[in-house]
N, C-alpha and C. Protein backbone atom coordinates (compact mmCIF):
# COMPACT_ATOMS: atom_id res chain seq x y z
N UNK A 1 -2.75 13.59 -1.72
CA UNK A 1 -2.75 12.16 -1.89
C UNK A 1 -3.48 11.47 -0.74
N UNK A 2 -3.25 11.92 0.49
CA UNK A 2 -3.90 11.29 1.64
C UNK A 2 -5.42 11.30 1.49
N UNK A 3 -5.97 12.39 1.03
CA UNK A 3 -7.42 12.53 0.95
C UNK A 3 -8.01 11.71 -0.20
N UNK A 4 -7.20 11.40 -1.19
CA UNK A 4 -7.69 10.67 -2.37
C UNK A 4 -7.32 9.20 -2.34
N UNK A 5 -6.91 8.68 -1.17
CA UNK A 5 -6.52 7.28 -1.08
C UNK A 5 -7.01 6.70 0.24
N UNK A 6 -6.99 5.38 0.32
CA UNK A 6 -7.44 4.67 1.52
C UNK A 6 -6.25 4.24 2.36
N UNK A 7 -6.32 4.55 3.65
CA UNK A 7 -5.31 4.08 4.59
C UNK A 7 -5.65 2.66 4.99
N UNK A 8 -4.74 1.71 4.71
CA UNK A 8 -4.98 0.31 5.04
C UNK A 8 -4.05 -0.19 6.15
N UNK A 9 -3.25 0.70 6.69
CA UNK A 9 -2.41 0.38 7.83
C UNK A 9 -1.46 -0.79 7.61
N UNK A 10 -1.40 -1.65 8.62
CA UNK A 10 -0.50 -2.81 8.57
C UNK A 10 -0.95 -3.83 7.52
N UNK A 11 -2.15 -3.68 6.99
CA UNK A 11 -2.65 -4.58 5.96
C UNK A 11 -2.22 -4.17 4.56
N UNK A 12 -1.29 -3.21 4.45
CA UNK A 12 -0.89 -2.70 3.14
C UNK A 12 -0.37 -3.79 2.21
N UNK A 13 0.54 -4.62 2.69
CA UNK A 13 1.14 -5.65 1.84
C UNK A 13 0.08 -6.62 1.34
N UNK A 14 -0.75 -7.09 2.25
CA UNK A 14 -1.82 -8.03 1.88
C UNK A 14 -2.78 -7.40 0.87
N UNK A 15 -3.18 -6.16 1.11
CA UNK A 15 -4.14 -5.51 0.20
C UNK A 15 -3.51 -5.21 -1.16
N UNK A 16 -2.25 -4.83 -1.18
CA UNK A 16 -1.56 -4.58 -2.46
C UNK A 16 -1.50 -5.87 -3.28
N UNK A 17 -1.21 -6.98 -2.62
CA UNK A 17 -1.18 -8.28 -3.33
C UNK A 17 -2.58 -8.66 -3.82
N UNK A 18 -3.59 -8.47 -3.00
CA UNK A 18 -4.97 -8.80 -3.41
C UNK A 18 -5.37 -7.99 -4.65
N UNK A 19 -5.03 -6.72 -4.67
CA UNK A 19 -5.36 -5.87 -5.83
C UNK A 19 -4.59 -6.35 -7.05
N UNK A 20 -3.32 -6.67 -6.89
CA UNK A 20 -2.48 -7.12 -8.00
C UNK A 20 -3.02 -8.42 -8.61
N UNK A 21 -3.56 -9.29 -7.77
CA UNK A 21 -4.10 -10.57 -8.23
C UNK A 21 -5.55 -10.48 -8.71
N UNK A 22 -6.14 -9.29 -8.61
CA UNK A 22 -7.52 -9.11 -9.04
C UNK A 22 -8.54 -9.58 -8.02
N UNK A 23 -8.11 -9.82 -6.79
CA UNK A 23 -9.01 -10.27 -5.74
C UNK A 23 -9.69 -9.12 -5.01
N UNK A 24 -9.22 -7.91 -5.23
CA UNK A 24 -9.79 -6.70 -4.63
C UNK A 24 -9.79 -5.62 -5.70
N UNK A 25 -10.75 -4.70 -5.64
CA UNK A 25 -10.77 -3.63 -6.64
C UNK A 25 -9.53 -2.73 -6.52
N UNK A 26 -8.99 -2.32 -7.65
CA UNK A 26 -7.84 -1.43 -7.63
C UNK A 26 -8.27 -0.04 -7.19
N UNK A 27 -7.46 0.53 -6.31
CA UNK A 27 -7.69 1.88 -5.81
C UNK A 27 -6.40 2.36 -5.18
N UNK A 28 -6.24 3.65 -5.00
CA UNK A 28 -5.03 4.14 -4.33
C UNK A 28 -5.08 3.79 -2.84
N UNK A 29 -4.02 3.16 -2.36
CA UNK A 29 -3.93 2.81 -0.94
C UNK A 29 -2.59 3.24 -0.39
N UNK A 30 -2.53 3.34 0.93
CA UNK A 30 -1.25 3.58 1.59
C UNK A 30 -1.32 2.95 2.98
N UNK A 31 -0.13 2.63 3.52
CA UNK A 31 -0.05 2.02 4.83
C UNK A 31 1.40 1.72 5.17
N UNK A 32 1.58 0.75 6.03
CA UNK A 32 2.93 0.41 6.48
C UNK A 32 3.41 -0.90 5.88
N UNK A 33 4.70 -0.94 5.61
CA UNK A 33 5.37 -2.17 5.16
C UNK A 33 6.82 -2.10 5.62
N UNK A 34 7.32 -3.23 6.05
CA UNK A 34 8.74 -3.31 6.41
C UNK A 34 9.54 -3.26 5.11
N UNK A 35 10.78 -2.80 5.17
CA UNK A 35 11.59 -2.71 3.94
C UNK A 35 11.64 -4.01 3.15
N UNK A 36 11.78 -5.15 3.85
CA UNK A 36 11.86 -6.42 3.14
C UNK A 36 10.52 -6.78 2.49
N UNK A 37 9.41 -6.36 3.10
CA UNK A 37 8.09 -6.59 2.51
C UNK A 37 7.90 -5.75 1.25
N UNK A 38 8.33 -4.49 1.32
CA UNK A 38 8.23 -3.62 0.15
C UNK A 38 9.09 -4.16 -0.99
N UNK A 39 10.29 -4.63 -0.67
CA UNK A 39 11.16 -5.21 -1.71
C UNK A 39 10.51 -6.43 -2.34
N UNK A 40 9.87 -7.28 -1.53
CA UNK A 40 9.21 -8.47 -2.06
C UNK A 40 8.07 -8.08 -3.01
N UNK A 41 7.32 -7.03 -2.67
CA UNK A 41 6.26 -6.56 -3.56
C UNK A 41 6.86 -6.11 -4.90
N UNK A 42 7.93 -5.33 -4.83
CA UNK A 42 8.58 -4.84 -6.05
C UNK A 42 9.12 -6.01 -6.87
N UNK A 43 9.74 -6.98 -6.20
CA UNK A 43 10.27 -8.16 -6.90
C UNK A 43 9.17 -8.94 -7.61
N UNK A 44 7.95 -8.88 -7.08
CA UNK A 44 6.81 -9.57 -7.67
C UNK A 44 6.08 -8.72 -8.71
N UNK A 45 6.63 -7.55 -9.02
CA UNK A 45 6.03 -6.69 -10.04
C UNK A 45 4.90 -5.81 -9.56
N UNK A 46 4.78 -5.66 -8.26
CA UNK A 46 3.73 -4.81 -7.68
C UNK A 46 4.35 -3.45 -7.39
N UNK A 47 3.86 -2.40 -8.06
CA UNK A 47 4.48 -1.08 -7.87
C UNK A 47 4.16 -0.48 -6.50
N UNK A 48 5.20 -0.10 -5.79
CA UNK A 48 5.08 0.59 -4.51
C UNK A 48 6.13 1.69 -4.46
N UNK A 49 5.88 2.67 -3.62
CA UNK A 49 6.84 3.76 -3.45
C UNK A 49 6.69 4.32 -2.04
N UNK A 50 7.78 4.82 -1.48
CA UNK A 50 7.67 5.44 -0.16
C UNK A 50 6.87 6.74 -0.27
N UNK A 51 6.20 7.09 0.80
CA UNK A 51 5.43 8.34 0.80
C UNK A 51 6.38 9.53 0.76
N UNK A 52 6.05 10.52 -0.05
CA UNK A 52 6.89 11.71 -0.14
C UNK A 52 6.55 12.73 0.95
N UNK A 53 5.83 12.32 1.99
CA UNK A 53 5.41 13.23 3.05
C UNK A 53 5.19 12.43 4.33
N UNK A 54 5.08 13.11 5.45
CA UNK A 54 4.71 12.45 6.69
C UNK A 54 3.19 12.45 6.77
N UNK A 55 2.57 11.32 6.97
CA UNK A 55 1.11 11.25 7.04
C UNK A 55 0.56 12.11 8.17
N UNK A 56 -0.57 12.75 7.90
CA UNK A 56 -1.21 13.56 8.93
C UNK A 56 -2.35 12.84 9.59
N UNK A 57 -2.80 11.74 8.97
CA UNK A 57 -3.91 10.98 9.54
C UNK A 57 -3.64 9.49 9.46
N UNK A 58 -4.22 8.78 10.37
CA UNK A 58 -4.21 7.31 10.35
C UNK A 58 -5.57 6.88 10.87
N UNK A 59 -6.43 6.49 9.95
CA UNK A 59 -7.76 6.03 10.35
C UNK A 59 -8.22 4.97 9.39
N UNK A 60 -9.04 4.06 9.86
CA UNK A 60 -9.57 2.99 9.02
C UNK A 60 -10.90 3.36 8.47
């Protein structure tokens, strides 16, 4: 999954919302979100899930 997706770091929440609204192209992304931020995304109908692994890379 890491190799087939883009790491967006702390910008995860913003980028997930942009994709959901059609403001950015949809693609697999991963990054960081606080629990309350992840819940807000889910409440707004934006699908998110915790990573099933520990990331091996963090690069932009």
